[in-house]
Amino acid sequence: MSAETAPGGAWVPENTFAMRLAMVRARQKWNCAKAGEACGIDGESWRLYERGRRPFGYEDVCRKIADATGCDFVWLLTGQMPVTDR
């Protein structure tokens, strides 16, 4: 996992599923084994996803994680922030 450089030289994390997944896990203060257990996913699979492997059944995996953690499903799936009505 690497970072990109934003205008002005500041770094920003890549917007990949692996990075979003790591952010979800960090917010919950879980290790990979605990994250997997809480979301119904094998802990080793979680670790591989954070290292860049795309899950088989990607949408279903994202749904499980979003349901278990309360993170936004669309954001986890696509990296796009949801549009809200004003």
PDB file of N, CA and C in Angstrom:
ATOM      1  N   MET A   1       0.841  -1.174   0.000  1.00  0.00           N
ATOM      2  CA  MET A   1       0.000   0.000   0.000  1.00  0.00           C
ATOM      3  C   MET A   1       0.884   1.233   0.000  1.00  0.00           C
ATOM      4  N   SER A   2       0.509   2.190  -0.782  1.00  0.00           N
ATOM      5  CA  SER A   2       1.304   3.393  -0.872  1.00  0.00           C
ATOM      6  C   SER A   2       0.404   4.610  -0.801  1.00  0.00           C
ATOM      7  N   ALA A   3       1.025   5.746  -0.797  1.00  0.00           N
ATOM      8  CA  ALA A   3       0.282   7.000  -0.747  1.00  0.00           C
ATOM      9  C   ALA A   3       0.485   7.750  -2.049  1.00  0.00           C
ATOM     10  N   GLU A   4      -0.437   8.639  -2.331  1.00  0.00           N
ATOM     11  CA  GLU A   4      -0.331   9.523  -3.477  1.00  0.00           C
ATOM     12  C   GLU A   4       0.026  10.907  -2.964  1.00  0.00           C
ATOM     13  N   THR A   5       0.522  11.749  -3.844  1.00  0.00           N
ATOM     14  CA  THR A   5       0.853  13.109  -3.456  1.00  0.00           C
ATOM     15  C   THR A   5      -0.223  14.049  -3.975  1.00  0.00           C
ATOM     16  N   ALA A   6      -0.765  14.848  -3.077  1.00  0.00           N
ATOM     17  CA  ALA A   6      -1.785  15.828  -3.427  1.00  0.00           C
ATOM     18  C   ALA A   6      -1.102  17.127  -3.826  1.00  0.00           C
ATOM     19  N   PRO A   7      -1.845  18.032  -4.468  1.00  0.00           N
ATOM     20  CA  PRO A   7      -1.268  19.345  -4.765  1.00  0.00           C
ATOM     21  C   PRO A   7      -0.728  19.979  -3.485  1.00  0.00           C
ATOM     22  N   GLY A   8       0.415  20.596  -3.587  1.00  0.00           N
ATOM     23  CA  GLY A   8       1.041  21.183  -2.405  1.00  0.00           C
ATOM     24  C   GLY A   8       1.975  20.223  -1.695  1.00  0.00           C
ATOM     25  N   GLY A   9       2.058  18.979  -2.167  1.00  0.00           N
ATOM     26  CA  GLY A   9       2.994  18.030  -1.608  1.00  0.00           C
ATOM     27  C   GLY A   9       2.498  17.179  -0.457  1.00  0.00           C
ATOM     28  N   ALA A  10       1.274  17.417   0.029  1.00  0.00           N
ATOM     29  CA  ALA A  10       0.739  16.595   1.127  1.00  0.00           C
ATOM     30  C   ALA A  10       0.420  15.201   0.601  1.00  0.00           C
ATOM     31  N   TRP A  11       0.543  14.208   1.427  1.00  0.00           N
ATOM     32  CA  TRP A  11       0.228  12.846   0.995  1.00  0.00           C
ATOM     33  C   TRP A  11      -1.201  12.501   1.379  1.00  0.00           C
ATOM     34  N   VAL A  12      -1.811  11.681   0.585  1.00  0.00           N
ATOM     35  CA  VAL A  12      -3.141  11.140   0.866  1.00  0.00           C
ATOM     36  C   VAL A  12      -3.087   9.645   0.588  1.00  0.00           C
ATOM     37  N   PRO A  13      -3.802   8.841   1.371  1.00  0.00           N
ATOM     38  CA  PRO A  13      -3.782   7.401   1.103  1.00  0.00           C
ATOM     39  C   PRO A  13      -4.484   7.096  -0.208  1.00  0.00           C
ATOM     40  N   GLU A  14      -4.090   6.010  -0.848  1.00  0.00           N
ATOM     41  CA  GLU A  14      -4.782   5.563  -2.052  1.00  0.00           C
ATOM     42  C   GLU A  14      -6.218   5.228  -1.691  1.00  0.00           C
ATOM     43  N   ASN A  15      -7.104   5.423  -2.624  1.00  0.00           N
ATOM     44  CA  ASN A  15      -8.501   5.093  -2.400  1.00  0.00           C
ATOM     45  C   ASN A  15      -8.766   3.712  -2.995  1.00  0.00           C
ATOM     46  N   THR A  16      -8.258   2.699  -2.317  1.00  0.00           N
ATOM     47  CA  THR A  16      -8.444   1.317  -2.744  1.00  0.00           C
ATOM     48  C   THR A  16      -9.280   0.590  -1.714  1.00  0.00           C
ATOM     49  N   PHE A  17      -9.846  -0.535  -2.115  1.00  0.00           N
ATOM     50  CA  PHE A  17     -10.593  -1.351  -1.161  1.00  0.00           C
ATOM     51  C   PHE A  17      -9.699  -1.727   0.015  1.00  0.00           C
ATOM     52  N   ALA A  18      -8.449  -2.069  -0.254  1.00  0.00           N
ATOM     53  CA  ALA A  18      -7.522  -2.450   0.815  1.00  0.00           C
ATOM     54  C   ALA A  18      -7.373  -1.334   1.845  1.00  0.00           C
ATOM     55  N   MET A  19      -7.213  -0.110   1.381  1.00  0.00           N
ATOM     56  CA  MET A  19      -7.059   1.018   2.309  1.00  0.00           C
ATOM     57  C   MET A  19      -8.359   1.316   3.059  1.00  0.00           C
ATOM     58  N   ARG A  20      -9.481   1.243   2.361  1.00  0.00           N
ATOM     59  CA  ARG A  20     -10.761   1.482   3.036  1.00  0.00           C
ATOM     60  C   ARG A  20     -10.991   0.423   4.102  1.00  0.00           C
ATOM     61  N   LEU A  21     -10.659  -0.807   3.790  1.00  0.00           N
ATOM     62  CA  LEU A  21     -10.826  -1.894   4.746  1.00  0.00           C
ATOM     63  C   LEU A  21      -9.932  -1.688   5.974  1.00  0.00           C
ATOM     64  N   ALA A  22      -8.696  -1.268   5.740  1.00  0.00           N
ATOM     65  CA  ALA A  22      -7.784  -0.990   6.855  1.00  0.00           C
ATOM     66  C   ALA A  22      -8.321   0.151   7.723  1.00  0.00           C
ATOM     67  N   MET A  23      -8.925   1.171   7.088  1.00  0.00           N
ATOM     68  CA  MET A  23      -9.495   2.281   7.862  1.00  0.00           C
ATOM     69  C   MET A  23     -10.678   1.816   8.701  1.00  0.00           C
ATOM     70  N   VAL A  24     -11.513   0.944   8.145  1.00  0.00           N
ATOM     71  CA  VAL A  24     -12.640   0.400   8.907  1.00  0.00           C
ATOM     72  C   VAL A  24     -12.117  -0.365  10.117  1.00  0.00           C
ATOM     73  N   ARG A  25     -11.135  -1.202   9.895  1.00  0.00           N
ATOM     74  CA  ARG A  25     -10.584  -2.015  10.991  1.00  0.00           C
ATOM     75  C   ARG A  25      -9.948  -1.132  12.056  1.00  0.00           C
ATOM     76  N   ALA A  26      -9.209  -0.111  11.639  1.00  0.00           N
ATOM     77  CA  ALA A  26      -8.568   0.792  12.599  1.00  0.00           C
ATOM     78  C   ALA A  26      -9.613   1.542  13.437  1.00  0.00           C
ATOM     79  N   ARG A  27     -10.688   1.969  12.785  1.00  0.00           N
ATOM     80  CA  ARG A  27     -11.744   2.682  13.523  1.00  0.00           C
ATOM     81  C   ARG A  27     -12.363   1.792  14.600  1.00  0.00           C
ATOM     82  N   GLN A  28     -12.497   0.512  14.304  1.00  0.00           N
ATOM     83  CA  GLN A  28     -13.083  -0.425  15.260  1.00  0.00           C
ATOM     84  C   GLN A  28     -12.062  -0.892  16.304  1.00  0.00           C
ATOM     85  N   LYS A  29     -10.787  -0.579  16.069  1.00  0.00           N
ATOM     86  CA  LYS A  29      -9.690  -1.001  16.957  1.00  0.00           C
ATOM     87  C   LYS A  29      -9.587  -2.527  17.028  1.00  0.00           C
ATOM     88  N   TRP A  30      -9.698  -3.149  15.859  1.00  0.00           N
ATOM     89  CA  TRP A  30      -9.620  -4.594  15.739  1.00  0.00           C
ATOM     90  C   TRP A  30      -8.322  -4.989  15.050  1.00  0.00           C
ATOM     91  N   ASN A  31      -7.858  -6.213  15.358  1.00  0.00           N
ATOM     92  CA  ASN A  31      -6.837  -6.819  14.514  1.00  0.00           C
ATOM     93  C   ASN A  31      -7.574  -7.566  13.402  1.00  0.00           C
ATOM     94  N   CYS A  32      -6.850  -8.137  12.465  1.00  0.00           N
ATOM     95  CA  CYS A  32      -7.502  -8.794  11.331  1.00  0.00           C
ATOM     96  C   CYS A  32      -8.363  -9.977  11.764  1.00  0.00           C
ATOM     97  N   ALA A  33      -7.896 -10.736  12.741  1.00  0.00           N
ATOM     98  CA  ALA A  33      -8.667 -11.887  13.212  1.00  0.00           C
ATOM     99  C   ALA A  33      -9.991 -11.442  13.825  1.00  0.00           C
ATOM    100  N   LYS A  34      -9.953 -10.414  14.656  1.00  0.00           N
ATOM    101  CA  LYS A  34     -11.172  -9.906  15.295  1.00  0.00           C
ATOM    102  C   LYS A  34     -12.112  -9.298  14.265  1.00  0.00           C
ATOM    103  N   ALA A  35     -11.556  -8.570  13.290  1.00  0.00           N
ATOM    104  CA  ALA A  35     -12.375  -7.965  12.242  1.00  0.00           C
ATOM    105  C   ALA A  35     -13.103  -9.047  11.448  1.00  0.00           C
ATOM    106  N   GLY A  36     -12.362 -10.064  11.071  1.00  0.00           N
ATOM    107  CA  GLY A  36     -12.978 -11.160  10.330  1.00  0.00           C
ATOM    108  C   GLY A  36     -14.067 -11.835  11.131  1.00  0.00           C
ATOM    109  N   GLU A  37     -13.788 -12.119  12.385  1.00  0.00           N
ATOM    110  CA  GLU A  37     -14.769 -12.773  13.250  1.00  0.00           C
ATOM    111  C   GLU A  37     -16.040 -11.930  13.370  1.00  0.00           C
ATOM    112  N   ALA A  38     -15.875 -10.640  13.598  1.00  0.00           N
ATOM    113  CA  ALA A  38     -17.019  -9.748  13.786  1.00  0.00           C
ATOM    114  C   ALA A  38     -17.860  -9.618  12.519  1.00  0.00           C
ATOM    115  N   CYS A  39     -17.224  -9.791  11.361  1.00  0.00           N
ATOM    116  CA  CYS A  39     -17.917  -9.583  10.086  1.00  0.00           C
ATOM    117  C   CYS A  39     -18.259 -10.883   9.362  1.00  0.00           C
ATOM    118  N   GLY A  40     -17.953 -12.026   9.971  1.00  0.00           N
ATOM    119  CA  GLY A  40     -18.257 -13.305   9.338  1.00  0.00           C
ATOM    120  C   GLY A  40     -17.353 -13.631   8.172  1.00  0.00           C
ATOM    121  N   ILE A  41     -16.100 -13.175   8.273  1.00  0.00           N
ATOM    122  CA  ILE A  41     -15.102 -13.397   7.226  1.00  0.00           C
ATOM    123  C   ILE A  41     -13.873 -14.015   7.897  1.00  0.00           C
ATOM    124  N   ASP A  42     -13.226 -14.936   7.228  1.00  0.00           N
ATOM    125  CA  ASP A  42     -12.011 -15.529   7.767  1.00  0.00           C
ATOM    126  C   ASP A  42     -10.961 -14.444   7.998  1.00  0.00           C
ATOM    127  N   GLY A  43     -10.314 -14.456   9.155  1.00  0.00           N
ATOM    128  CA  GLY A  43      -9.315 -13.447   9.490  1.00  0.00           C
ATOM    129  C   GLY A  43      -8.151 -13.402   8.518  1.00  0.00           C
ATOM    130  N   GLU A  44      -7.728 -14.548   8.021  1.00  0.00           N
ATOM    131  CA  GLU A  44      -6.633 -14.571   7.037  1.00  0.00           C
ATOM    132  C   GLU A  44      -7.093 -13.960   5.719  1.00  0.00           C
ATOM    133  N   SER A  45      -8.345 -14.194   5.357  1.00  0.00           N
ATOM    134  CA  SER A  45      -8.888 -13.558   4.151  1.00  0.00           C
ATOM    135  C   SER A  45      -8.881 -12.045   4.318  1.00  0.00           C
ATOM    136  N   TRP A  46      -9.295 -11.568   5.498  1.00  0.00           N
ATOM    137  CA  TRP A  46      -9.286 -10.118   5.754  1.00  0.00           C
ATOM    138  C   TRP A  46      -7.877  -9.563   5.540  1.00  0.00           C
ATOM    139  N   ARG A  47      -6.898 -10.263   6.092  1.00  0.00           N
ATOM    140  CA  ARG A  47      -5.508  -9.826   5.960  1.00  0.00           C
ATOM    141  C   ARG A  47      -5.099  -9.751   4.477  1.00  0.00           C
ATOM    142  N   LEU A  48      -5.482 -10.754   3.711  1.00  0.00           N
ATOM    143  CA  LEU A  48      -5.166 -10.759   2.276  1.00  0.00           C
ATOM    144  C   LEU A  48      -5.886  -9.623   1.547  1.00  0.00           C
ATOM    145  N   TYR A  49      -7.108  -9.327   1.933  1.00  0.00           N
ATOM    146  CA  TYR A  49      -7.840  -8.211   1.316  1.00  0.00           C
ATOM    147  C   TYR A  49      -7.116  -6.894   1.584  1.00  0.00           C
ATOM    148  N   GLU A  50      -6.597  -6.730   2.792  1.00  0.00           N
ATOM    149  CA  GLU A  50      -5.861  -5.507   3.113  1.00  0.00           C
ATOM    150  C   GLU A  50      -4.539  -5.427   2.343  1.00  0.00           C
ATOM    151  N   ARG A  51      -4.057  -6.533   1.884  1.00  0.00           N
ATOM    152  CA  ARG A  51      -2.825  -6.553   1.093  1.00  0.00           C
ATOM    153  C   ARG A  51      -3.095  -6.463  -0.398  1.00  0.00           C
ATOM    154  N   GLY A  52      -4.360  -6.255  -0.768  1.00  0.00           N
ATOM    155  CA  GLY A  52      -4.681  -5.993  -2.163  1.00  0.00           C
ATOM    156  C   GLY A  52      -5.444  -7.068  -2.898  1.00  0.00           C
ATOM    157  N   ARG A  53      -5.688  -8.211  -2.287  1.00  0.00           N
ATOM    158  CA  ARG A  53      -6.460  -9.243  -2.978  1.00  0.00           C
ATOM    159  C   ARG A  53      -7.938  -8.857  -2.956  1.00  0.00           C
ATOM    160  N   ARG A  54      -8.570  -8.929  -4.096  1.00  0.00           N
ATOM    161  CA  ARG A  54     -10.001  -8.611  -4.180  1.00  0.00           C
ATOM    162  C   ARG A  54     -10.800  -9.857  -3.791  1.00  0.00           C
ATOM    163  N   PRO A  55     -11.773  -9.688  -2.899  1.00  0.00           N
ATOM    164  CA  PRO A  55     -12.543 -10.860  -2.459  1.00  0.00           C
ATOM    165  C   PRO A  55     -13.431 -11.438  -3.554  1.00  0.00           C
ATOM    166  N   PHE A  56     -13.581 -12.737  -3.543  1.00  0.00           N
ATOM    167  CA  PHE A  56     -14.595 -13.390  -4.353  1.00  0.00           C
ATOM    168  C   PHE A  56     -15.927 -13.011  -3.732  1.00  0.00           C
ATOM    169  N   GLY A  57     -16.897 -12.619  -4.513  1.00  0.00           N
ATOM    170  CA  GLY A  57     -18.162 -12.151  -3.953  1.00  0.00           C
ATOM    171  C   GLY A  57     -17.995 -10.781  -3.315  1.00  0.00           C
ATOM    172  N   TYR A  58     -17.291  -9.910  -4.016  1.00  0.00           N
ATOM    173  CA  TYR A  58     -16.908  -8.592  -3.498  1.00  0.00           C
ATOM    174  C   TYR A  58     -18.074  -7.828  -2.877  1.00  0.00           C
ATOM    175  N   GLU A  59     -19.182  -7.736  -3.583  1.00  0.00           N
ATOM    176  CA  GLU A  59     -20.321  -6.976  -3.078  1.00  0.00           C
ATOM    177  C   GLU A  59     -20.873  -7.588  -1.795  1.00  0.00           C
ATOM    178  N   ASP A  60     -20.955  -8.908  -1.735  1.00  0.00           N
ATOM    179  CA  ASP A  60     -21.448  -9.577  -0.524  1.00  0.00           C
ATOM    180  C   ASP A  60     -20.507  -9.346   0.660  1.00  0.00           C
ATOM    181  N   VAL A  61     -19.208  -9.388   0.408  1.00  0.00           N
ATOM    182  CA  VAL A  61     -18.221  -9.136   1.466  1.00  0.00           C
ATOM    183  C   VAL A  61     -18.376  -7.701   1.973  1.00  0.00           C
ATOM    184  N   CYS A  62     -18.527  -6.752   1.060  1.00  0.00           N
ATOM    185  CA  CYS A  62     -18.709  -5.350   1.461  1.00  0.00           C
ATOM    186  C   CYS A  62     -19.980  -5.179   2.278  1.00  0.00           C
ATOM    187  N   ARG A  63     -21.048  -5.865   1.896  1.00  0.00           N
ATOM    188  CA  ARG A  63     -22.311  -5.781   2.638  1.00  0.00           C
ATOM    189  C   ARG A  63     -22.133  -6.317   4.059  1.00  0.00           C
ATOM    190  N   LYS A  64     -21.472  -7.450   4.211  1.00  0.00           N
ATOM    191  CA  LYS A  64     -21.234  -8.021   5.548  1.00  0.00           C
ATOM    192  C   LYS A  64     -20.465  -7.035   6.430  1.00  0.00           C
ATOM    193  N   ILE A  65     -19.424  -6.445   5.863  1.00  0.00           N
ATOM    194  CA  ILE A  65     -18.589  -5.523   6.631  1.00  0.00           C
ATOM    195  C   ILE A  65     -19.371  -4.269   6.996  1.00  0.00           C
ATOM    196  N   ALA A  66     -20.103  -3.704   6.037  1.00  0.00           N
ATOM    197  CA  ALA A  66     -20.897  -2.507   6.311  1.00  0.00           C
ATOM    198  C   ALA A  66     -21.960  -2.783   7.370  1.00  0.00           C
ATOM    199  N   ASP A  67     -22.623  -3.911   7.270  1.00  0.00           N
ATOM    200  CA  ASP A  67     -23.658  -4.250   8.257  1.00  0.00           C
ATOM    201  C   ASP A  67     -23.075  -4.427   9.654  1.00  0.00           C
ATOM    202  N   ALA A  68     -21.901  -5.034   9.742  1.00  0.00           N
ATOM    203  CA  ALA A  68     -21.293  -5.316  11.047  1.00  0.00           C
ATOM    204  C   ALA A  68     -20.642  -4.081  11.679  1.00  0.00           C
ATOM    205  N   THR A  69     -20.192  -3.135  10.843  1.00  0.00           N
ATOM    206  CA  THR A  69     -19.426  -2.007  11.382  1.00  0.00           C
ATOM    207  C   THR A  69     -20.157  -0.673  11.339  1.00  0.00           C
ATOM    208  N   GLY A  70     -21.197  -0.582  10.523  1.00  0.00           N
ATOM    209  CA  GLY A  70     -21.906   0.674  10.380  1.00  0.00           C
ATOM    210  C   GLY A  70     -21.271   1.624   9.379  1.00  0.00           C
ATOM    211  N   CYS A  71     -20.217   1.188   8.682  1.00  0.00           N
ATOM    212  CA  CYS A  71     -19.631   2.066   7.661  1.00  0.00           C
ATOM    213  C   CYS A  71     -20.562   2.104   6.450  1.00  0.00           C
ATOM    214  N   ASP A  72     -20.401   3.106   5.636  1.00  0.00           N
ATOM    215  CA  ASP A  72     -21.254   3.261   4.469  1.00  0.00           C
ATOM    216  C   ASP A  72     -20.919   2.204   3.418  1.00  0.00           C
ATOM    217  N   PHE A  73     -21.932   1.456   2.999  1.00  0.00           N
ATOM    218  CA  PHE A  73     -21.758   0.375   2.040  1.00  0.00           C
ATOM    219  C   PHE A  73     -21.225   0.890   0.698  1.00  0.00           C
ATOM    220  N   VAL A  74     -21.806   1.961   0.176  1.00  0.00           N
ATOM    221  CA  VAL A  74     -21.388   2.500  -1.132  1.00  0.00           C
ATOM    222  C   VAL A  74     -19.938   2.959  -1.069  1.00  0.00           C
ATOM    223  N   TRP A  75     -19.566   3.631   0.003  1.00  0.00           N
ATOM    224  CA  TRP A  75     -18.177   4.072   0.149  1.00  0.00           C
ATOM    225  C   TRP A  75     -17.228   2.874   0.171  1.00  0.00           C
ATOM    226  N   LEU A  76     -17.567   1.852   0.961  1.00  0.00           N
ATOM    227  CA  LEU A  76     -16.701   0.679   1.042  1.00  0.00           C
ATOM    228  C   LEU A  76     -16.599  -0.014  -0.311  1.00  0.00           C
ATOM    229  N   LEU A  77     -17.699  -0.114  -1.006  1.00  0.00           N
ATOM    230  CA  LEU A  77     -17.743  -0.793  -2.299  1.00  0.00           C
ATOM    231  C   LEU A  77     -17.004  -0.027  -3.389  1.00  0.00           C
ATOM    232  N   THR A  78     -17.190   1.297  -3.429  1.00  0.00           N
ATOM    233  CA  THR A  78     -16.702   2.079  -4.574  1.00  0.00           C
ATOM    234  C   THR A  78     -15.634   3.111  -4.247  1.00  0.00           C
ATOM    235  N   GLY A  79     -15.552   3.519  -3.000  1.00  0.00           N
ATOM    236  CA  GLY A  79     -14.654   4.592  -2.630  1.00  0.00           C
ATOM    237  C   GLY A  79     -15.266   5.964  -2.801  1.00  0.00           C
ATOM    238  N   GLN A  80     -16.485   6.016  -3.293  1.00  0.00           N
ATOM    239  CA  GLN A  80     -17.183   7.282  -3.506  1.00  0.00           C
ATOM    240  C   GLN A  80     -18.036   7.625  -2.297  1.00  0.00           C
ATOM    241  N   MET A  81     -17.983   8.887  -1.905  1.00  0.00           N
ATOM    242  CA  MET A  81     -18.816   9.332  -0.795  1.00  0.00           C
ATOM    243  C   MET A  81     -20.258   9.407  -1.298  1.00  0.00           C
ATOM    244  N   PRO A  82     -21.206   8.980  -0.473  1.00  0.00           N
ATOM    245  CA  PRO A  82     -22.603   9.023  -0.900  1.00  0.00           C
ATOM    246  C   PRO A  82     -23.086  10.462  -1.041  1.00  0.00           C
ATOM    247  N   VAL A  83     -23.971  10.654  -1.983  1.00  0.00           N
ATOM    248  CA  VAL A  83     -24.585  11.963  -2.189  1.00  0.00           C
ATOM    249  C   VAL A  83     -25.771  12.076  -1.239  1.00  0.00           C
ATOM    250  N   THR A  84     -25.813  13.169  -0.525  1.00  0.00           N
ATOM    251  CA  THR A  84     -26.917  13.375   0.407  1.00  0.00           C
ATOM    252  C   THR A  84     -27.800  14.508  -0.096  1.00  0.00           C
ATOM    253  N   ASP A  85     -29.087  14.394   0.176  1.00  0.00           N
ATOM    254  CA  ASP A  85     -30.018  15.467  -0.164  1.00  0.00           C
ATOM    255  C   ASP A  85     -29.833  16.601   0.809  1.00  0.00           C
ATOM    256  N   ARG A  86     -29.929  17.794   0.304  1.00  0.00           N
ATOM    257  CA  ARG A  86     -29.776  18.963   1.181  1.00  0.00           C
ATOM    258  C   ARG A  86     -31.095  19.557   1.497  1.00  0.00           C
TER     259      ARG A  86
END
